[in-house]
Each structure stands twice: as structure tokens, then as C-alpha cells.
Amino acid sequence: MSMLQDRKGFRSMQQYIERECGIHIDDDKAYLIEGRLGKLLAESGARDFEEFYHFLYKSRDRSMTEKVIDAITTNETMWFRDKTPWRILEEIFMPRFIQELRTGKRLRIRLWSAAASTGQEAYSTAMCIDRYLKDKAIAGITLDQFEIVATDISPAVLQVARAGKYDSISILRGLDAGHKERYFQKEGRVWSIDDRIRRAVRFERFNLQDAYQGLGCFDVIFCRYVAIYFSEPLKRDIFRRMADQLRTGGALFLGGSEIFTGYGEHYQRHEHQGGIYYLVKREP
């Protein structure tokens, strides 16, 4: 039975997916549910998606729910994607962070990679900071003073991210020869990231619909190419709550092609060298 015939099943799964991971699937995208979840439906023994939904709802089978999340989430990522966030980090924020660390205004700089997927964004950030400190010969400041928290809803991608091992195709996507030579070691057909960079990132499972307070406050938040899959109300709620988690002077980075409307209540938009970032507003 196709999703066109199983309309009730589509509606049920549409609501289930949005409730579990925030992803909104439009009515004209029924094929995504059919294509990505068809194998899991068969695995469950259900005859159609309506029956599969009732299986998920009644059984509370967390392992199957995680399989659904893994199947439906889009884990497209690459190293230093769009380039400009790391240029802005180096040219705008790193001088300020170093000054704040030296004067004791900050004991540690905290950065959050939300929806981190298989870790390329978070590791790119760690490499960027490490390279800056070494190339600029910054004395008395080390990578250990930068805490990078990376979260994702998918257990499968987090397992890959924590390992820090990438195949020959993944390693080429956005990574230049200099970074590859400096921070990776080839082990057979696998490229392993330097242990020091791997240890600089803490990966945690986290649903962006959950409460943020437990994560603490941050100086920089990367929330890139994930909100495009959410409904407008959820998107607004996420960016509002991220503003609450940013320290004074903290910045939010979105994907280069993402359009952020209605930011004025919580953020100020800034441009630098072709890149855009949003500084959190704080009442005087």
C-alpha cells in the first residue's frame, strides 16, 4: 500500500515524527516517510503505516523509535561548511576571547554545535581554535580553555562522531590538505582525527525540543542547517531559547543559505567578510 492510499497512516506518522524530533514533513513529502521508513515497517511486522504508528505508540519500543529518528533525520554535513563562520570566529571573536581569558573575565569559553551530526562542524571548530592559537603564537592560552559541546538527537551519528574516524569520501568534503595533514592520521582506509582534537569536543545526545538549562550558557552557538526542517513556531521557539543560553556578547551562527526573519527581538544581525552572525541582545 502506498502512502497515497494510506493517508491516515501518513498523518499519524507525520505527527509522530514532529513530536519526537521536531521535523515537519509537508503533505507533499509523503514519499519521504514511505522511502525512509519502509524497511522499519516491515521489520515491525506491521501491515501499513497506521499499524506501524500504533506499534510505536503502544510498545514504547525506544530502540525502534531511535531507528525511526536515524532514518528520518538528514545528516548532511561537511568540514568547515560555508567557511565564513570560522573566519568570523578567528577575526572577530578569538581576539576578544583571548583577552577575556587573560584578564580573568572568563575562565573558559563555551561553544555549542547543535545538531552536530557526525562531528565535522564541532571538530572544525576545535581545529580552527587550535590552529589560531598556534599560528598566532598565543602564549598562556590553550585549547583546553575552550569547551566545545556537540549535540544531536541521533545515537547512530553520535557514535561515529565520538570515534573521530572517517572514510575517504567524508574526509574530502570541505577539508583542505593542510588540515588533513596537520590533524589526521591515515589508518588503512580510515582517517582518524588527532586525539587532542577529539578530546576537545564533548558529544551528548540532545533533542532541540527539550529544556536547554542543563546545557549551561555559551559564548557561541552553531545551529546550522537544522531549523530548516522545523515548523515556524518551533523554529522561533528554538532561537528564542538559544538567546537565553547565550552570554552577553554571544553569537548565533546559522547556515549560509538560511533566512532568519523576526530576529530583531532577541538578536542583532552583523556581517563580516561575506558571512552573517547574530549577536544576542541584552537589556542594559
Protein backbone atom coordinates (compact mmCIF):
# COMPACT_ATOMS: atom_id res chain seq x y z
CA MET A 1 0.00 0.00 0.00
CA SER A 2 1.42 3.41 -0.98
CA MET A 3 1.31 6.48 1.23
CA LEU A 4 -1.29 7.96 -1.12
CA GLN A 5 -3.57 5.07 -0.20
CA ASP A 6 -2.52 5.09 3.46
CA ARG A 7 -3.39 8.73 4.18
CA LYS A 8 -4.38 8.10 7.79
CA GLY A 9 -1.08 6.31 8.33
CA PHE A 10 0.81 9.25 6.81
CA ARG A 11 -0.95 11.71 9.11
CA SER A 12 -0.19 9.58 12.16
CA MET A 13 3.49 9.17 11.25
CA GLN A 14 3.76 12.85 10.31
CA GLN A 15 2.60 13.82 13.81
CA TYR A 16 4.76 11.17 15.48
CA ILE A 17 7.93 12.36 13.73
CA GLU A 18 7.28 16.01 14.54
CA ARG A 19 6.58 15.15 18.17
CA GLU A 20 9.72 13.00 18.56
CA CYS A 21 12.32 15.08 16.73
CA GLY A 22 10.70 18.32 15.59
CA ILE A 23 10.94 17.59 11.87
CA HIS A 24 7.90 18.79 9.97
CA ILE A 25 7.10 16.79 6.84
CA ASP A 26 4.75 18.60 4.48
CA ASP A 27 1.81 16.83 2.92
CA ASP A 28 3.58 16.68 -0.45
CA LYS A 29 6.54 14.82 1.10
CA ALA A 30 4.74 11.57 1.91
CA TYR A 31 7.34 9.74 -0.18
CA LEU A 32 9.98 10.56 2.46
CA ILE A 33 8.13 8.56 5.08
CA GLU A 34 7.49 5.72 2.68
CA GLY A 35 11.06 5.65 1.37
CA ARG A 36 12.92 6.02 4.65
CA LEU A 37 10.69 4.02 6.97
CA GLY A 38 9.51 1.21 4.69
CA LYS A 39 12.13 -1.25 5.95
CA LEU A 40 11.32 -0.48 9.58
CA LEU A 41 7.63 -1.02 8.92
CA ALA A 42 8.44 -4.46 7.54
CA GLU A 43 10.77 -5.17 10.47
CA SER A 44 7.99 -4.37 12.94
CA GLY A 45 5.57 -6.77 11.27
CA ALA A 46 3.01 -4.02 10.67
CA ARG A 47 0.86 -4.14 7.54
CA ASP A 48 0.71 -0.39 6.94
CA PHE A 49 1.89 2.87 8.46
CA GLU A 50 -1.20 3.30 10.58
CA GLU A 51 -0.49 -0.05 12.20
CA PHE A 52 3.20 0.86 12.49
CA TYR A 53 2.26 4.06 14.29
CA HIS A 54 0.15 2.15 16.81
CA PHE A 55 3.03 -0.29 17.30
CA LEU A 56 5.39 2.59 18.11
CA TYR A 57 2.89 4.32 20.35
CA LYS A 58 1.77 1.28 22.33
CA SER A 59 5.01 -0.68 22.58
CA ARG A 60 7.14 2.30 23.70
CA ASP A 61 9.99 0.46 21.99
CA ARG A 62 12.79 3.01 22.35
CA SER A 63 15.15 1.12 20.08
CA MET A 64 12.62 1.25 17.24
CA THR A 65 11.97 4.94 17.91
CA GLU A 66 15.70 5.59 17.62
CA LYS A 67 15.76 3.72 14.32
CA VAL A 68 12.92 5.94 13.07
CA ILE A 69 14.82 9.07 14.14
CA ASP A 70 18.02 7.85 12.46
CA ALA A 71 16.13 7.06 9.26
CA ILE A 72 14.20 10.30 9.03
CA THR A 73 16.88 12.82 10.05
CA THR A 74 19.07 14.34 7.37
CA ASN A 75 22.72 14.10 8.42
CA GLU A 76 24.25 16.13 5.62
CA THR A 77 27.48 17.72 6.85
CA MET A 78 31.00 18.65 5.83
CA TRP A 79 34.19 20.19 7.19
CA PHE A 80 34.25 24.00 7.56
CA ARG A 81 30.91 24.25 5.76
CA ASP A 82 30.46 27.74 4.23
CA LYS A 83 33.93 28.75 5.57
CA THR A 84 32.73 32.14 6.88
CA PRO A 85 31.73 31.12 10.45
CA TRP A 86 35.31 30.10 11.21
CA ARG A 87 36.71 33.21 9.57
CA ILE A 88 34.43 35.29 11.79
CA LEU A 89 35.42 33.21 14.81
CA GLU A 90 39.11 33.91 14.11
CA GLU A 91 38.85 37.56 13.14
CA ILE A 92 36.08 38.84 15.41
CA PHE A 93 35.78 36.57 18.42
CA MET A 94 39.14 34.95 19.13
CA PRO A 95 40.94 38.21 19.98
CA ARG A 96 38.16 39.07 22.43
CA PHE A 97 38.08 35.58 23.94
CA ILE A 98 41.84 35.60 24.48
CA GLN A 99 41.66 38.99 26.19
CA GLU A 100 38.81 37.80 28.44
CA LEU A 101 40.70 34.64 29.39
CA ARG A 102 43.87 36.58 30.18
CA THR A 103 42.08 39.14 32.35
CA GLY A 104 40.06 36.50 34.18
CA LYS A 105 36.73 37.75 32.86
CA ARG A 106 36.20 34.23 31.51
CA LEU A 107 37.65 31.06 32.96
CA ARG A 108 36.53 29.11 29.92
CA ILE A 109 34.96 29.86 26.55
CA ARG A 110 31.99 27.63 25.73
CA LEU A 111 30.77 26.78 22.22
CA TRP A 112 27.78 24.65 21.24
CA SER A 113 27.41 22.75 17.98
CA ALA A 114 23.69 21.95 17.87
CA ALA A 115 22.61 19.11 15.56
CA ALA A 116 26.27 18.15 15.22
CA SER A 117 25.66 15.06 13.07
CA THR A 118 28.87 13.02 12.63
CA GLY A 119 31.03 15.72 14.21
CA GLN A 120 32.56 17.64 11.30
CA GLU A 121 31.30 21.04 12.48
CA ALA A 122 32.46 20.60 16.09
CA TYR A 123 35.85 19.22 15.07
CA SER A 124 36.25 22.04 12.53
CA THR A 125 35.74 24.47 15.41
CA ALA A 126 38.35 22.73 17.56
CA MET A 127 40.85 22.72 14.68
CA CYS A 128 40.14 26.39 13.97
CA ILE A 129 40.83 27.40 17.58
CA ASP A 130 43.92 25.23 17.87
CA ARG A 131 45.40 26.46 14.60
CA TYR A 132 44.73 30.10 15.56
CA LEU A 133 46.47 29.74 18.93
CA LYS A 134 49.50 28.06 17.40
CA ASP A 135 49.86 30.11 14.24
CA LYS A 136 49.49 33.36 16.18
CA ALA A 137 51.87 32.05 18.86
CA ILE A 138 49.39 32.94 21.59
CA ALA A 139 51.16 32.38 24.89
CA GLY A 140 49.41 31.16 28.00
CA ILE A 141 46.15 30.17 26.29
CA THR A 142 45.42 26.58 25.25
CA LEU A 143 42.68 24.61 23.55
CA ASP A 144 41.76 23.19 26.96
CA GLN A 145 40.30 26.59 27.88
CA PHE A 146 37.67 26.20 25.15
CA GLU A 147 34.81 23.82 25.90
CA ILE A 148 33.04 22.56 22.78
CA VAL A 149 29.73 20.80 23.36
CA ALA A 150 28.23 18.97 20.37
CA THR A 151 24.72 17.55 20.46
CA ASP A 152 22.49 15.53 18.18
CA ILE A 153 19.28 13.57 18.52
CA SER A 154 20.60 10.53 16.65
CA PRO A 155 22.57 7.91 18.62
CA ALA A 156 23.99 6.48 15.37
CA VAL A 157 25.68 9.69 14.22
CA LEU A 158 26.96 10.43 17.71
CA GLN A 159 28.70 7.05 17.75
CA VAL A 160 30.54 7.99 14.56
CA ALA A 161 31.35 11.47 15.89
CA ARG A 162 32.80 10.21 19.17
CA ALA A 163 35.07 7.77 17.33
CA GLY A 164 36.52 10.55 15.18
CA LYS A 165 37.15 8.16 12.28
CA TYR A 166 36.12 8.98 8.72
CA ASP A 167 36.16 7.26 5.37
CA SER A 168 37.98 8.57 2.32
CA ILE A 169 34.86 10.26 0.92
CA SER A 170 33.85 12.03 4.17
CA ILE A 171 37.38 13.28 4.74
CA LEU A 172 37.44 15.10 1.40
CA ARG A 173 34.20 17.06 1.88
CA GLY A 174 35.41 20.56 2.74
CA LEU A 175 38.73 19.59 4.32
CA ASP A 176 41.84 21.11 2.74
CA ALA A 177 45.19 19.32 2.52
CA GLY A 178 46.71 21.45 5.26
CA HIS A 179 44.15 20.46 7.89
CA LYS A 180 44.21 16.84 6.80
CA GLU A 181 48.00 16.66 7.12
CA ARG A 182 48.04 18.51 10.42
CA TYR A 183 45.16 16.86 12.25
CA PHE A 184 44.52 13.43 10.74
CA GLN A 185 46.33 10.14 10.50
CA LYS A 186 45.52 7.52 7.90
CA GLU A 187 44.92 4.04 9.28
CA GLY A 188 44.28 1.72 6.36
CA ARG A 189 41.20 3.08 4.58
CA VAL A 190 40.17 5.22 7.56
CA TRP A 191 41.28 8.71 8.60
CA SER A 192 41.45 9.25 12.38
CA ILE A 193 41.38 12.72 13.88
CA ASP A 194 44.14 13.72 16.30
CA ASP A 195 43.28 12.58 19.83
CA ARG A 196 43.82 16.07 21.23
CA ILE A 197 41.18 17.49 18.88
CA ARG A 198 38.83 14.57 19.55
CA ARG A 199 39.08 15.08 23.30
CA ALA A 200 38.35 18.80 22.89
CA VAL A 201 34.74 18.03 21.93
CA ARG A 202 32.11 16.53 24.23
CA PHE A 203 29.29 14.81 22.38
CA GLU A 204 25.88 14.43 24.01
CA ARG A 205 22.51 13.21 22.87
CA PHE A 206 20.02 16.07 22.93
CA ASN A 207 16.64 16.89 21.39
CA LEU A 208 16.34 20.59 20.48
CA GLN A 209 12.75 20.48 21.72
CA ASP A 210 13.94 19.72 25.27
CA ALA A 211 14.87 22.20 28.03
CA TYR A 212 18.21 23.95 27.49
CA GLN A 213 19.10 24.98 31.04
CA GLY A 214 21.07 21.81 31.73
CA LEU A 215 23.47 22.65 28.91
CA GLY A 216 24.62 25.86 30.56
CA CYS A 217 25.45 29.17 28.89
CA PHE A 218 27.55 29.65 25.78
CA ASP A 219 29.64 32.27 24.04
CA VAL A 220 28.93 30.85 20.57
CA ILE A 221 26.13 28.64 19.26
CA PHE A 222 26.22 26.96 15.85
CA CYS A 223 22.71 25.93 14.81
CA ARG A 224 23.23 25.36 11.12
CA TYR A 225 21.04 23.67 8.51
CA VAL A 226 18.73 22.04 11.03
CA ALA A 227 15.99 24.61 11.71
CA ILE A 228 15.04 24.46 8.01
CA TYR A 229 13.33 21.13 8.79
CA PHE A 230 11.23 22.56 11.64
CA SER A 231 7.86 24.28 11.68
CA GLU A 232 7.92 28.07 12.01
CA PRO A 233 6.62 28.08 15.62
CA LEU A 234 9.26 25.55 16.70
CA LYS A 235 11.97 27.46 14.86
CA ARG A 236 11.07 30.72 16.63
CA ASP A 237 10.95 28.93 19.98
CA ILE A 238 14.39 27.35 19.49
CA PHE A 239 16.06 30.64 18.54
CA ARG A 240 14.40 32.42 21.48
CA ARG A 241 15.63 29.79 23.92
CA MET A 242 19.10 29.84 22.40
CA ALA A 243 19.20 33.59 23.03
CA ASP A 244 18.56 32.84 26.70
CA GLN A 245 21.57 30.48 26.73
CA LEU A 246 23.97 32.97 25.15
CA ARG A 247 26.16 35.08 27.40
CA THR A 248 26.32 38.82 26.87
CA GLY A 249 28.09 39.40 23.55
CA GLY A 250 27.40 35.81 22.50
CA ALA A 251 26.78 34.90 18.88
CA LEU A 252 24.47 32.59 16.95
CA PHE A 253 25.57 31.19 13.57
CA LEU A 254 23.10 29.76 11.07
CA GLY A 255 23.69 28.10 7.72
CA GLY A 256 24.85 30.38 4.93
CA SER A 257 21.68 29.89 2.88
CA GLU A 258 19.25 30.06 5.81
CA ILE A 259 16.87 33.02 6.07
CA PHE A 260 16.28 34.24 9.62
CA THR A 261 13.28 36.54 9.87
CA GLY A 262 11.96 38.11 13.03
CA TYR A 263 15.35 38.03 14.75
CA GLY A 264 15.13 41.65 15.95
CA GLU A 265 13.56 40.92 19.33
CA HIS A 266 16.46 38.80 20.54
CA TYR A 267 19.41 39.38 18.18
CA GLN A 268 21.31 41.97 16.19
CA ARG A 269 22.39 40.92 12.70
CA HIS A 270 26.03 41.51 11.73
CA GLU A 271 28.01 40.89 8.55
CA HIS A 272 31.73 40.27 8.14
CA GLN A 273 33.68 39.19 5.08
CA GLY A 274 30.59 37.80 3.37
CA GLY A 275 29.36 35.96 6.47
CA ILE A 276 26.44 36.67 8.80
CA TYR A 277 26.16 36.19 12.55
CA TYR A 278 23.65 37.27 15.18
CA LEU A 279 24.68 38.84 18.49
CA VAL A 280 22.32 38.32 21.38
CA LYS A 281 20.61 41.39 22.75
CA ARG A 282 20.79 42.13 26.45
CA GLU A 283 18.78 44.73 28.33
CA PRO A 284 21.04 47.49 29.74
